[in-house]
PDB file of N, CA and C in Angstrom:
ATOM      1  N   MET A   1     -86.695 -42.349  56.515  1.00  0.00           N
ATOM      2  CA  MET A   1     -85.735 -43.399  56.449  1.00  0.00           C
ATOM      3  C   MET A   1     -85.196 -43.655  57.849  1.00  0.00           C
ATOM      4  N   SER A   2     -85.206 -44.892  58.220  1.00  0.00           N
ATOM      5  CA  SER A   2     -84.774 -45.230  59.568  1.00  0.00           C
ATOM      6  C   SER A   2     -83.433 -45.958  59.499  1.00  0.00           C
ATOM      7  N   THR A   3     -82.655 -45.762  60.476  1.00  0.00           N
ATOM      8  CA  THR A   3     -81.347 -46.406  60.535  1.00  0.00           C
ATOM      9  C   THR A   3     -81.323 -47.375  61.687  1.00  0.00           C
ATOM     10  N   LYS A   4     -80.723 -48.494  61.460  1.00  0.00           N
ATOM     11  CA  LYS A   4     -80.621 -49.497  62.507  1.00  0.00           C
ATOM     12  C   LYS A   4     -79.205 -49.504  63.049  1.00  0.00           C
ATOM     13  N   LYS A   5     -79.133 -49.539  64.318  1.00  0.00           N
ATOM     14  CA  LYS A   5     -77.829 -49.652  64.955  1.00  0.00           C
ATOM     15  C   LYS A   5     -77.663 -51.096  65.398  1.00  0.00           C
ATOM     16  N   THR A   6     -76.599 -51.642  64.981  1.00  0.00           N
ATOM     17  CA  THR A   6     -76.343 -53.014  65.391  1.00  0.00           C
ATOM     18  C   THR A   6     -75.124 -53.042  66.283  1.00  0.00           C
ATOM     19  N   ALA A   7     -75.213 -53.784  67.280  1.00  0.00           N
ATOM     20  CA  ALA A   7     -74.103 -53.915  68.218  1.00  0.00           C
ATOM     21  C   ALA A   7     -73.231 -55.077  67.760  1.00  0.00           C
ATOM     22  N   THR A   8     -71.974 -54.842  67.760  1.00  0.00           N
ATOM     23  CA  THR A   8     -71.047 -55.918  67.394  1.00  0.00           C
ATOM     24  C   THR A   8     -70.291 -56.336  68.624  1.00  0.00           C
ATOM     25  N   LYS A   9     -70.115 -57.590  68.722  1.00  0.00           N
ATOM     26  CA  LYS A   9     -69.360 -58.111  69.851  1.00  0.00           C
ATOM     27  C   LYS A   9     -67.901 -58.232  69.464  1.00  0.00           C
ATOM     28  N   LYS A  10     -67.077 -57.750  70.293  1.00  0.00           N
ATOM     29  CA  LYS A  10     -65.652 -57.876  70.067  1.00  0.00           C
ATOM     30  C   LYS A  10     -65.171 -59.125  70.789  1.00  0.00           C
ATOM     31  N   THR A  11     -64.705 -60.024  70.004  1.00  0.00           N
ATOM     32  CA  THR A  11     -64.187 -61.245  70.609  1.00  0.00           C
ATOM     33  C   THR A  11     -62.711 -61.336  70.310  1.00  0.00           C
ATOM     34  N   THR A  12     -61.999 -61.616  71.296  1.00  0.00           N
ATOM     35  CA  THR A  12     -60.559 -61.798  71.113  1.00  0.00           C
ATOM     36  C   THR A  12     -60.235 -63.223  71.489  1.00  0.00           C
ATOM     37  N   SER A  13     -59.574 -63.845  70.618  1.00  0.00           N
ATOM     38  CA  SER A  13     -59.183 -65.222  70.920  1.00  0.00           C
ATOM     39  C   SER A  13     -57.670 -65.262  71.028  1.00  0.00           C
ATOM     40  N   LYS A  14     -57.242 -65.718  72.126  1.00  0.00           N
ATOM     41  CA  LYS A  14     -55.807 -65.860  72.349  1.00  0.00           C
ATOM     42  C   LYS A  14     -55.460 -67.332  72.227  1.00  0.00           C
ATOM     43  N   LYS A  15     -54.611 -67.586  71.300  1.00  0.00           N
ATOM     44  CA  LYS A  15     -54.206 -68.969  71.109  1.00  0.00           C
ATOM     45  C   LYS A  15     -52.948 -69.228  71.914  1.00  0.00           C
ATOM     46  N   ALA A  16     -52.964 -70.302  72.571  1.00  0.00           N
ATOM     47  CA  ALA A  16     -51.785 -70.707  73.320  1.00  0.00           C
ATOM     48  C   ALA A  16     -50.761 -71.235  72.327  1.00  0.00           C
ATOM     49  N   PRO A  17     -49.491 -70.930  72.535  1.00  0.00           N
ATOM     50  CA  PRO A  17     -48.487 -71.438  71.611  1.00  0.00           C
ATOM     51  C   PRO A  17     -48.474 -72.959  71.619  1.00  0.00           C
ATOM     52  N   THR A  18     -48.420 -73.504  70.460  1.00  0.00           N
ATOM     53  CA  THR A  18     -48.383 -74.955  70.337  1.00  0.00           C
ATOM     54  C   THR A  18     -46.986 -75.390  69.965  1.00  0.00           C
ATOM     55  N   SER A  19     -46.772 -76.640  70.065  1.00  0.00           N
ATOM     56  CA  SER A  19     -45.452 -77.171  69.748  1.00  0.00           C
ATOM     57  C   SER A  19     -45.151 -77.023  68.258  1.00  0.00           C
ATOM     58  N   LYS A  20     -46.181 -77.009  67.414  1.00  0.00           N
ATOM     59  CA  LYS A  20     -45.959 -76.850  65.986  1.00  0.00           C
ATOM     60  C   LYS A  20     -45.378 -75.475  65.675  1.00  0.00           C
ATOM     61  N   SER A  21     -45.915 -74.431  66.309  1.00  0.00           N
ATOM     62  CA  SER A  21     -45.413 -73.090  66.024  1.00  0.00           C
ATOM     63  C   SER A  21     -43.964 -72.932  66.469  1.00  0.00           C
ATOM     64  N   LYS A  22     -43.574 -73.610  67.531  1.00  0.00           N
ATOM     65  CA  LYS A  22     -42.190 -73.542  67.979  1.00  0.00           C
ATOM     66  C   LYS A  22     -41.264 -74.236  66.987  1.00  0.00           C
ATOM     67  N   ASN A  23     -41.716 -75.343  66.450  1.00  0.00           N
ATOM     68  CA  ASN A  23     -40.885 -76.063  65.489  1.00  0.00           C
ATOM     69  C   ASN A  23     -40.742 -75.284  64.187  1.00  0.00           C
ATOM     70  N   VAL A  24     -41.772 -74.579  63.791  1.00  0.00           N
ATOM     71  CA  VAL A  24     -41.719 -73.808  62.558  1.00  0.00           C
ATOM     72  C   VAL A  24     -40.702 -72.686  62.681  1.00  0.00           C
ATOM     73  N   SER A  25     -40.727 -71.999  63.821  1.00  0.00           N
ATOM     74  CA  SER A  25     -39.770 -70.909  64.001  1.00  0.00           C
ATOM     75  C   SER A  25     -38.352 -71.446  64.121  1.00  0.00           C
ATOM     76  N   ALA A  26     -38.193 -72.633  64.666  1.00  0.00           N
ATOM     77  CA  ALA A  26     -36.864 -73.222  64.775  1.00  0.00           C
ATOM     78  C   ALA A  26     -36.352 -73.615  63.396  1.00  0.00           C
ATOM     79  N   LYS A  27     -37.248 -74.031  62.514  1.00  0.00           N
ATOM     80  CA  LYS A  27     -36.832 -74.411  61.170  1.00  0.00           C
ATOM     81  C   LYS A  27     -36.423 -73.202  60.341  1.00  0.00           C
ATOM     82  N   ARG A  28     -36.978 -72.055  60.610  1.00  0.00           N
ATOM     83  CA  ARG A  28     -36.698 -70.849  59.835  1.00  0.00           C
ATOM     84  C   ARG A  28     -35.299 -70.312  60.081  1.00  0.00           C
ATOM     85  N   LYS A  29     -34.780 -70.564  61.248  1.00  0.00           N
ATOM     86  CA  LYS A  29     -33.450 -70.057  61.562  1.00  0.00           C
ATOM     87  C   LYS A  29     -32.409 -70.899  60.844  1.00  0.00           C
ATOM     88  N   LYS A  30     -31.572 -70.205  60.074  1.00  0.00           N
ATOM     89  CA  LYS A  30     -30.511 -70.880  59.348  1.00  0.00           C
ATOM     90  C   LYS A  30     -29.183 -70.359  59.861  1.00  0.00           C
ATOM     91  N   PRO A  31     -28.173 -71.184  59.792  1.00  0.00           N
ATOM     92  CA  PRO A  31     -26.864 -70.686  60.241  1.00  0.00           C
ATOM     93  C   PRO A  31     -26.381 -69.579  59.314  1.00  0.00           C
ATOM     94  N   ALA A  32     -25.684 -68.633  59.893  1.00  0.00           N
ATOM     95  CA  ALA A  32     -25.185 -67.497  59.122  1.00  0.00           C
ATOM     96  C   ALA A  32     -24.158 -67.974  58.105  1.00  0.00           C
ATOM     97  N   ALA A  33     -24.272 -67.442  56.889  1.00  0.00           N
ATOM     98  CA  ALA A  33     -23.327 -67.797  55.839  1.00  0.00           C
ATOM     99  C   ALA A  33     -21.993 -67.110  56.101  1.00  0.00           C
ATOM    100  N   LYS A  34     -20.935 -67.758  55.727  1.00  0.00           N
ATOM    101  CA  LYS A  34     -19.612 -67.169  55.916  1.00  0.00           C
ATOM    102  C   LYS A  34     -19.392 -66.100  54.866  1.00  0.00           C
ATOM    103  N   ARG A  35     -18.955 -64.958  55.287  1.00  0.00           N
ATOM    104  CA  ARG A  35     -18.693 -63.841  54.386  1.00  0.00           C
ATOM    105  C   ARG A  35     -17.190 -63.666  54.220  1.00  0.00           C
ATOM    106  N   PRO A  36     -16.765 -63.178  53.063  1.00  0.00           N
ATOM    107  CA  PRO A  36     -15.320 -62.968  52.877  1.00  0.00           C
ATOM    108  C   PRO A  36     -14.821 -61.843  53.772  1.00  0.00           C
ATOM    109  N   ALA A  37     -13.556 -61.848  53.992  1.00  0.00           N
ATOM    110  CA  ALA A  37     -12.942 -60.810  54.827  1.00  0.00           C
ATOM    111  C   ALA A  37     -13.174 -59.445  54.191  1.00  0.00           C
ATOM    112  N   PRO A  38     -13.300 -58.381  54.994  1.00  0.00           N
ATOM    113  CA  PRO A  38     -13.563 -57.051  54.441  1.00  0.00           C
ATOM    114  C   PRO A  38     -12.534 -56.596  53.414  1.00  0.00           C
ATOM    115  N   ALA A  39     -11.282 -56.981  53.577  1.00  0.00           N
ATOM    116  CA  ALA A  39     -10.260 -56.557  52.624  1.00  0.00           C
ATOM    117  C   ALA A  39     -10.535 -57.142  51.246  1.00  0.00           C
ATOM    118  N   GLU A  40     -11.028 -58.369  51.202  1.00  0.00           N
ATOM    119  CA  GLU A  40     -11.344 -58.991  49.928  1.00  0.00           C
ATOM    120  C   GLU A  40     -12.562 -58.326  49.283  1.00  0.00           C
ATOM    121  N   ALA A  41     -13.525 -57.953  50.101  1.00  0.00           N
ATOM    122  CA  ALA A  41     -14.757 -57.379  49.572  1.00  0.00           C
ATOM    123  C   ALA A  41     -14.525 -55.974  49.025  1.00  0.00           C
ATOM    124  N   THR A  42     -13.606 -55.211  49.609  1.00  0.00           N
ATOM    125  CA  THR A  42     -13.404 -53.833  49.179  1.00  0.00           C
ATOM    126  C   THR A  42     -12.293 -53.692  48.144  1.00  0.00           C
ATOM    127  N   ALA A  43     -11.556 -54.752  47.889  1.00  0.00           N
ATOM    128  CA  ALA A  43     -10.474 -54.657  46.912  1.00  0.00           C
ATOM    129  C   ALA A  43     -11.061 -54.468  45.520  1.00  0.00           C
ATOM    130  N   ARG A  44     -10.499 -53.531  44.775  1.00  0.00           N
ATOM    131  CA  ARG A  44     -10.988 -53.307  43.423  1.00  0.00           C
ATOM    132  C   ARG A  44      -9.858 -53.593  42.450  1.00  0.00           C
ATOM    133  N   PRO A  45     -10.203 -54.076  41.278  1.00  0.00           N
ATOM    134  CA  PRO A  45      -9.147 -54.371  40.314  1.00  0.00           C
ATOM    135  C   PRO A  45      -8.475 -53.102  39.812  1.00  0.00           C
ATOM    136  N   ARG A  46      -7.231 -53.219  39.463  1.00  0.00           N
ATOM    137  CA  ARG A  46      -6.467 -52.066  38.981  1.00  0.00           C
ATOM    138  C   ARG A  46      -6.861 -51.766  37.541  1.00  0.00           C
ATOM    139  N   ASP A  47      -6.956 -50.482  37.217  1.00  0.00           N
ATOM    140  CA  ASP A  47      -7.303 -50.038  35.871  1.00  0.00           C
ATOM    141  C   ASP A  47      -6.174 -50.411  34.910  1.00  0.00           C
ATOM    142  N   PRO A  48      -6.480 -51.143  33.837  1.00  0.00           N
ATOM    143  CA  PRO A  48      -5.405 -51.527  32.906  1.00  0.00           C
ATOM    144  C   PRO A  48      -4.830 -50.341  32.135  1.00  0.00           C
ATOM    145  N   ASN A  49      -5.560 -49.228  32.060  1.00  0.00           N
ATOM    146  CA  ASN A  49      -5.063 -48.046  31.351  1.00  0.00           C
ATOM    147  C   ASN A  49      -4.195 -47.147  32.239  1.00  0.00           C
ATOM    148  N   ALA A  50      -4.138 -47.435  33.521  1.00  0.00           N
ATOM    149  CA  ALA A  50      -3.341 -46.624  34.448  1.00  0.00           C
ATOM    150  C   ALA A  50      -1.854 -46.905  34.224  1.00  0.00           C
ATOM    151  N   PRO A  51      -1.009 -45.926  34.528  1.00  0.00           N
ATOM    152  CA  PRO A  51       0.439 -46.149  34.393  1.00  0.00           C
ATOM    153  C   PRO A  51       0.915 -47.254  35.332  1.00  0.00           C
ATOM    154  N   ALA A  52       2.029 -47.857  35.012  1.00  0.00           N
ATOM    155  CA  ALA A  52       2.581 -48.942  35.810  1.00  0.00           C
ATOM    156  C   ALA A  52       2.985 -48.437  37.200  1.00  0.00           C
ATOM    157  N   ILE A  53       2.890 -49.331  38.177  1.00  0.00           N
ATOM    158  CA  ILE A  53       3.261 -48.986  39.554  1.00  0.00           C
ATOM    159  C   ILE A  53       4.752 -48.664  39.599  1.00  0.00           C
ATOM    160  N   GLY A  54       5.100 -47.572  40.263  1.00  0.00           N
ATOM    161  CA  GLY A  54       6.484 -47.138  40.373  1.00  0.00           C
ATOM    162  C   GLY A  54       6.844 -46.047  39.376  1.00  0.00           C
ATOM    163  N   THR A  55       5.952 -45.763  38.440  1.00  0.00           N
ATOM    164  CA  THR A  55       6.193 -44.711  37.448  1.00  0.00           C
ATOM    165  C   THR A  55       6.091 -43.338  38.092  1.00  0.00           C
ATOM    166  N   THR A  56       6.900 -42.409  37.653  1.00  0.00           N
ATOM    167  CA  THR A  56       6.808 -41.021  38.092  1.00  0.00           C
ATOM    168  C   THR A  56       6.347 -40.174  36.916  1.00  0.00           C
ATOM    169  N   LEU A  57       5.228 -39.488  37.099  1.00  0.00           N
ATOM    170  CA  LEU A  57       4.680 -38.617  36.053  1.00  0.00           C
ATOM    171  C   LEU A  57       5.168 -37.198  36.312  1.00  0.00           C
ATOM    172  N   LYS A  58       5.661 -36.544  35.258  1.00  0.00           N
ATOM    173  CA  LYS A  58       6.180 -35.180  35.400  1.00  0.00           C
ATOM    174  C   LYS A  58       5.392 -34.261  34.489  1.00  0.00           C
ATOM    175  N   ARG A  59       5.122 -33.048  34.994  1.00  0.00           N
ATOM    176  CA  ARG A  59       4.347 -32.072  34.218  1.00  0.00           C
ATOM    177  C   ARG A  59       4.696 -30.691  34.740  1.00  0.00           C
ATOM    178  N   SER A  60       4.763 -29.743  33.850  1.00  0.00           N
ATOM    179  CA  SER A  60       4.980 -28.355  34.236  1.00  0.00           C
ATOM    180  C   SER A  60       3.635 -27.644  34.143  1.00  0.00           C
ATOM    181  N   PHE A  61       3.246 -26.957  35.214  1.00  0.00           N
ATOM    182  CA  PHE A  61       1.967 -26.265  35.237  1.00  0.00           C
ATOM    183  C   PHE A  61       2.152 -24.927  35.955  1.00  0.00           C
ATOM    184  N   LYS A  62       1.882 -23.835  35.237  1.00  0.00           N
ATOM    185  CA  LYS A  62       2.013 -22.474  35.765  1.00  0.00           C
ATOM    186  C   LYS A  62       3.382 -22.243  36.397  1.00  0.00           C
ATOM    187  N   GLY A  63       4.425 -22.676  35.718  1.00  0.00           N
ATOM    188  CA  GLY A  63       5.786 -22.428  36.177  1.00  0.00           C
ATOM    189  C   GLY A  63       6.265 -23.376  37.263  1.00  0.00           C
ATOM    190  N   GLN A  64       5.463 -24.347  37.665  1.00  0.00           N
ATOM    191  CA  GLN A  64       5.870 -25.303  38.694  1.00  0.00           C
ATOM    192  C   GLN A  64       6.068 -26.671  38.055  1.00  0.00           C
ATOM    193  N   ASP A  65       7.118 -27.353  38.481  1.00  0.00           N
ATOM    194  CA  ASP A  65       7.323 -28.725  38.031  1.00  0.00           C
ATOM    195  C   ASP A  65       6.572 -29.654  38.987  1.00  0.00           C
ATOM    196  N   ILE A  66       5.698 -30.459  38.431  1.00  0.00           N
ATOM    197  CA  ILE A  66       4.858 -31.354  39.226  1.00  0.00           C
ATOM    198  C   ILE A  66       5.340 -32.775  39.010  1.00  0.00           C
ATOM    199  N   MET A  67       5.532 -33.508  40.105  1.00  0.00           N
ATOM    200  CA  MET A  67       5.939 -34.911  40.039  1.00  0.00           C
ATOM    201  C   MET A  67       4.957 -35.732  40.857  1.00  0.00           C
ATOM    202  N   VAL A  68       4.369 -36.742  40.198  1.00  0.00           N
ATOM    203  CA  VAL A  68       3.398 -37.630  40.847  1.00  0.00           C
ATOM    204  C   VAL A  68       3.908 -39.052  40.730  1.00  0.00           C
ATOM    205  N   LYS A  69       3.971 -39.742  41.853  1.00  0.00           N
ATOM    206  CA  LYS A  69       4.452 -41.121  41.885  1.00  0.00           C
ATOM    207  C   LYS A  69       3.251 -42.065  41.886  1.00  0.00           C
ATOM    208  N   VAL A  70       3.290 -43.109  41.044  1.00  0.00           N
ATOM    209  CA  VAL A  70       2.225 -44.107  40.965  1.00  0.00           C
ATOM    210  C   VAL A  70       2.542 -45.224  41.946  1.00  0.00           C
ATOM    211  N   THR A  71       1.597 -45.508  42.846  1.00  0.00           N
ATOM    212  CA  THR A  71       1.773 -46.576  43.831  1.00  0.00           C
ATOM    213  C   THR A  71       0.667 -47.609  43.649  1.00  0.00           C
ATOM    214  N   ALA A  72       0.755 -48.692  44.389  1.00  0.00           N
ATOM    215  CA  ALA A  72      -0.275 -49.738  44.317  1.00  0.00           C
ATOM    216  C   ALA A  72      -1.604 -49.240  44.862  1.00  0.00           C
ATOM    217  N   ASP A  73      -1.579 -48.309  45.817  1.00  0.00           N
ATOM    218  CA  ASP A  73      -2.805 -47.780  46.421  1.00  0.00           C
ATOM    219  C   ASP A  73      -3.379 -46.598  45.661  1.00  0.00           C
ATOM    220  N   GLY A  74      -2.634 -46.001  44.763  1.00  0.00           N
ATOM    221  CA  GLY A  74      -3.125 -44.832  44.030  1.00  0.00           C
ATOM    222  C   GLY A  74      -1.972 -43.985  43.538  1.00  0.00           C
ATOM    223  N   PHE A  75      -2.026 -42.695  43.875  1.00  0.00           N
ATOM    224  CA  PHE A  75      -1.036 -41.738  43.389  1.00  0.00           C
ATOM    225  C   PHE A  75      -0.598 -40.859  44.546  1.00  0.00           C
ATOM    226  N   VAL A  76       0.678 -40.488  44.556  1.00  0.00           N
ATOM    227  CA  VAL A  76       1.224 -39.648  45.621  1.00  0.00           C
ATOM    228  C   VAL A  76       1.780 -38.379  44.986  1.00  0.00           C
ATOM    229  N   PHE A  77       1.276 -37.240  45.462  1.00  0.00           N
ATOM    230  CA  PHE A  77       1.759 -35.932  45.027  1.00  0.00           C
ATOM    231  C   PHE A  77       2.242 -35.213  46.275  1.00  0.00           C
ATOM    232  N   GLY A  78       3.526 -34.955  46.347  1.00  0.00           N
ATOM    233  CA  GLY A  78       4.098 -34.374  47.565  1.00  0.00           C
ATOM    234  C   GLY A  78       3.960 -35.399  48.687  1.00  0.00           C
ATOM    235  N   GLU A  79       3.253 -35.032  49.728  1.00  0.00           N
ATOM    236  CA  GLU A  79       2.999 -35.961  50.824  1.00  0.00           C
ATOM    237  C   GLU A  79       1.543 -36.411  50.844  1.00  0.00           C
ATOM    238  N   LEU A  80       0.761 -35.982  49.855  1.00  0.00           N
ATOM    239  CA  LEU A  80      -0.659 -36.321  49.801  1.00  0.00           C
ATOM    240  C   LEU A  80      -0.887 -37.538  48.917  1.00  0.00           C
ATOM    241  N   ALA A  81      -1.775 -38.433  49.364  1.00  0.00           N
ATOM    242  CA  ALA A  81      -2.131 -39.620  48.588  1.00  0.00           C
ATOM    243  C   ALA A  81      -3.516 -39.415  47.972  1.00  0.00           C
ATOM    244  N   PHE A  82      -3.672 -39.837  46.729  1.00  0.00           N
ATOM    245  CA  PHE A  82      -4.934 -39.697  46.004  1.00  0.00           C
ATOM    246  C   PHE A  82      -5.318 -41.039  45.418  1.00  0.00           C
ATOM    247  N   SER A  83      -6.620 -41.259  45.258  1.00  0.00           N
ATOM    248  CA  SER A  83      -7.089 -42.534  44.719  1.00  0.00           C
ATOM    249  C   SER A  83      -7.107 -42.552  43.199  1.00  0.00           C
ATOM    250  N   SER A  84      -7.133 -41.385  42.569  1.00  0.00           N
ATOM    251  CA  SER A  84      -7.172 -41.345  41.106  1.00  0.00           C
ATOM    252  C   SER A  84      -6.286 -40.213  40.585  1.00  0.00           C
ATOM    253  N   LEU A  85      -5.924 -40.344  39.334  1.00  0.00           N
ATOM    254  CA  LEU A  85      -5.102 -39.330  38.688  1.00  0.00           C
ATOM    255  C   LEU A  85      -5.897 -38.037  38.487  1.00  0.00           C
ATOM    256  N   SER A  86      -7.202 -38.178  38.262  1.00  0.00           N
ATOM    257  CA  SER A  86      -8.057 -36.994  38.119  1.00  0.00           C
ATOM    258  C   SER A  86      -8.149 -36.214  39.432  1.00  0.00           C
ATOM    259  N   ALA A  87      -8.114 -36.916  40.566  1.00  0.00           N
ATOM    260  CA  ALA A  87      -8.136 -36.233  41.864  1.00  0.00           C
ATOM    261  C   ALA A  87      -6.858 -35.414  42.054  1.00  0.00           C
ATOM    262  N   VAL A  88      -5.739 -35.930  41.583  1.00  0.00           N
ATOM    263  CA  VAL A  88      -4.472 -35.184  41.656  1.00  0.00           C
ATOM    264  C   VAL A  88      -4.566 -33.935  40.791  1.00  0.00           C
ATOM    265  N   ALA A  89      -5.056 -34.101  39.558  1.00  0.00           N
ATOM    266  CA  ALA A  89      -5.171 -32.965  38.638  1.00  0.00           C
ATOM    267  C   ALA A  89      -6.143 -31.915  39.179  1.00  0.00           C
ATOM    268  N   ARG A  90      -7.229 -32.349  39.802  1.00  0.00           N
ATOM    269  CA  ARG A  90      -8.197 -31.420  40.390  1.00  0.00           C
ATOM    270  C   ARG A  90      -7.562 -30.643  41.534  1.00  0.00           C
ATOM    271  N   HIS A  91      -6.739 -31.326  42.341  1.00  0.00           N
ATOM    272  CA  HIS A  91      -6.057 -30.672  43.463  1.00  0.00           C
ATOM    273  C   HIS A  91      -5.065 -29.620  42.953  1.00  0.00           C
ATOM    274  N   ILE A  92      -4.368 -29.931  41.892  1.00  0.00           N
ATOM    275  CA  ILE A  92      -3.350 -29.023  41.356  1.00  0.00           C
ATOM    276  C   ILE A  92      -3.986 -27.814  40.682  1.00  0.00           C
ATOM    277  N   THR A  93      -4.989 -28.053  39.823  1.00  0.00           N
ATOM    278  CA  THR A  93      -5.566 -26.969  39.028  1.00  0.00           C
ATOM    279  C   THR A  93      -6.659 -26.201  39.757  1.00  0.00           C
ATOM    280  N   GLY A  94      -7.398 -26.880  40.616  1.00  0.00           N
ATOM    281  CA  GLY A  94      -8.502 -26.235  41.318  1.00  0.00           C
ATOM    282  C   GLY A  94      -9.829 -26.378  40.593  1.00  0.00           C
ATOM    283  N   TYR A  95      -9.856 -27.089  39.481  1.00  0.00           N
ATOM    284  CA  TYR A  95     -11.100 -27.330  38.755  1.00  0.00           C
ATOM    285  C   TYR A  95     -11.077 -28.747  38.186  1.00  0.00           C
ATOM    286  N   MET A  96     -12.264 -29.196  37.727  1.00  0.00           N
ATOM    287  CA  MET A  96     -12.383 -30.549  37.181  1.00  0.00           C
ATOM    288  C   MET A  96     -11.610 -30.661  35.867  1.00  0.00           C
ATOM    289  N   VAL A  97     -10.761 -31.649  35.807  1.00  0.00           N
ATOM    290  CA  VAL A  97     -10.002 -31.906  34.587  1.00  0.00           C
ATOM    291  C   VAL A  97      -9.650 -33.393  34.590  1.00  0.00           C
ATOM    292  N   SER A  98      -9.600 -33.982  33.420  1.00  0.00           N
ATOM    293  CA  SER A  98      -9.224 -35.388  33.302  1.00  0.00           C
ATOM    294  C   SER A  98      -7.754 -35.546  33.668  1.00  0.00           C
ATOM    295  N   GLY A  99      -7.463 -36.462  34.566  1.00  0.00           N
ATOM    296  CA  GLY A  99      -6.088 -36.688  34.982  1.00  0.00           C
ATOM    297  C   GLY A  99      -5.197 -37.165  33.853  1.00  0.00           C
ATOM    298  N   PRO A 100      -5.625 -38.187  33.081  1.00  0.00           N
ATOM    299  CA  PRO A 100      -4.785 -38.628  31.965  1.00  0.00           C
ATOM    300  C   PRO A 100      -4.558 -37.535  30.924  1.00  0.00           C
ATOM    301  N   VAL A 101      -5.545 -36.692  30.689  1.00  0.00           N
ATOM    302  CA  VAL A 101      -5.372 -35.589  29.733  1.00  0.00           C
ATOM    303  C   VAL A 101      -4.431 -34.542  30.312  1.00  0.00           C
ATOM    304  N   PHE A 102      -4.582 -34.231  31.598  1.00  0.00           N
ATOM    305  CA  PHE A 102      -3.730 -33.231  32.248  1.00  0.00           C
ATOM    306  C   PHE A 102      -2.258 -33.649  32.200  1.00  0.00           C
ATOM    307  N   PHE A 103      -2.002 -34.927  32.461  1.00  0.00           N
ATOM    308  CA  PHE A 103      -0.621 -35.414  32.447  1.00  0.00           C
ATOM    309  C   PHE A 103      -0.190 -35.879  31.055  1.00  0.00           C
ATOM    310  N   LYS A 104      -1.015 -35.609  30.033  1.00  0.00           N
ATOM    311  CA  LYS A 104      -0.727 -35.896  28.626  1.00  0.00           C
ATOM    312  C   LYS A 104      -0.437 -37.372  28.369  1.00  0.00           C
ATOM    313  N   LEU A 105      -1.208 -38.242  29.055  1.00  0.00           N
ATOM    314  CA  LEU A 105      -1.112 -39.672  28.798  1.00  0.00           C
ATOM    315  C   LEU A 105      -2.000 -40.068  27.628  1.00  0.00           C
ATOM    316  N   VAL A 106      -3.085 -39.303  27.415  1.00  0.00           N
ATOM    317  CA  VAL A 106      -3.985 -39.510  26.274  1.00  0.00           C
ATOM    318  C   VAL A 106      -4.285 -38.157  25.648  1.00  0.00           C
ATOM    319  N   GLU A 107      -4.751 -38.189  24.415  1.00  0.00           N
ATOM    320  CA  GLU A 107      -5.111 -36.959  23.729  1.00  0.00           C
ATOM    321  C   GLU A 107      -6.564 -36.614  24.068  1.00  0.00           C
ATOM    322  N   PRO A 108      -6.876 -35.336  24.289  1.00  0.00           N
ATOM    323  CA  PRO A 108      -8.274 -34.985  24.597  1.00  0.00           C
ATOM    324  C   PRO A 108      -9.192 -35.365  23.444  1.00  0.00           C
ATOM    325  N   LYS A 109     -10.443 -35.745  23.758  1.00  0.00           N
ATOM    326  CA  LYS A 109     -11.387 -36.185  22.731  1.00  0.00           C
ATOM    327  C   LYS A 109     -11.725 -35.073  21.765  1.00  0.00           C
ATOM    328  N   ARG A 110     -11.810 -33.837  22.240  1.00  0.00           N
ATOM    329  CA  ARG A 110     -12.128 -32.714  21.351  1.00  0.00           C
ATOM    330  C   ARG A 110     -11.056 -32.533  20.282  1.00  0.00           C
ATOM    331  N   ALA A 111      -9.796 -32.616  20.682  1.00  0.00           N
ATOM    332  CA  ALA A 111      -8.693 -32.449  19.736  1.00  0.00           C
ATOM    333  C   ALA A 111      -8.641 -33.624  18.765  1.00  0.00           C
ATOM    334  N   ALA A 112      -8.966 -34.823  19.224  1.00  0.00           N
ATOM    335  CA  ALA A 112      -8.954 -35.999  18.372  1.00  0.00           C
ATOM    336  C   ALA A 112     -10.054 -35.892  17.307  1.00  0.00           C
ATOM    337  N   LYS A 113     -11.234 -35.377  17.673  1.00  0.00           N
ATOM    338  CA  LYS A 113     -12.329 -35.212  16.718  1.00  0.00           C
ATOM    339  C   LYS A 113     -12.007 -34.132  15.691  1.00  0.00           C
ATOM    340  N   ALA A 114     -11.358 -33.056  16.113  1.00  0.00           N
ATOM    341  CA  ALA A 114     -11.029 -31.950  15.214  1.00  0.00           C
ATOM    342  C   ALA A 114      -9.954 -32.372  14.193  1.00  0.00           C
ATOM    343  N   ALA A 115      -9.067 -33.261  14.574  1.00  0.00           N
ATOM    344  CA  ALA A 115      -7.980 -33.702  13.699  1.00  0.00           C
ATOM    345  C   ALA A 115      -8.488 -34.615  12.589  1.00  0.00           C
ATOM    346  N   LYS A 116      -9.623 -35.273  12.811  1.00  0.00           N
ATOM    347  CA  LYS A 116     -10.159 -36.211  11.805  1.00  0.00           C
ATOM    348  C   LYS A 116     -10.792 -35.515  10.677  1.00  0.00           C
TER     349      LYS A 116
END
């Protein structure tokens, strides 16, 4: 069996830019759309189940009286600010716990199922 070697010519064609290609690229560029201000984009709606702004939540835990103030930005415990009530409860207890359940705003689901 014989093999044939064929030589291939490498041809490179360089096209000079034409006026059409310049117009096409100019047409592709569109003006930037106006975006809303960052404050508007990051604003989130307030949870309707959250306590009213200005409310003070009180709870006794391990012999300590805990007071948490509800603000427009979140919750304040002592001098620390938190974004959620569960974050406050986690900070106080040291483990994951539902904030509304910890502050007795709602009944735990397990207890509600057992009562039925």
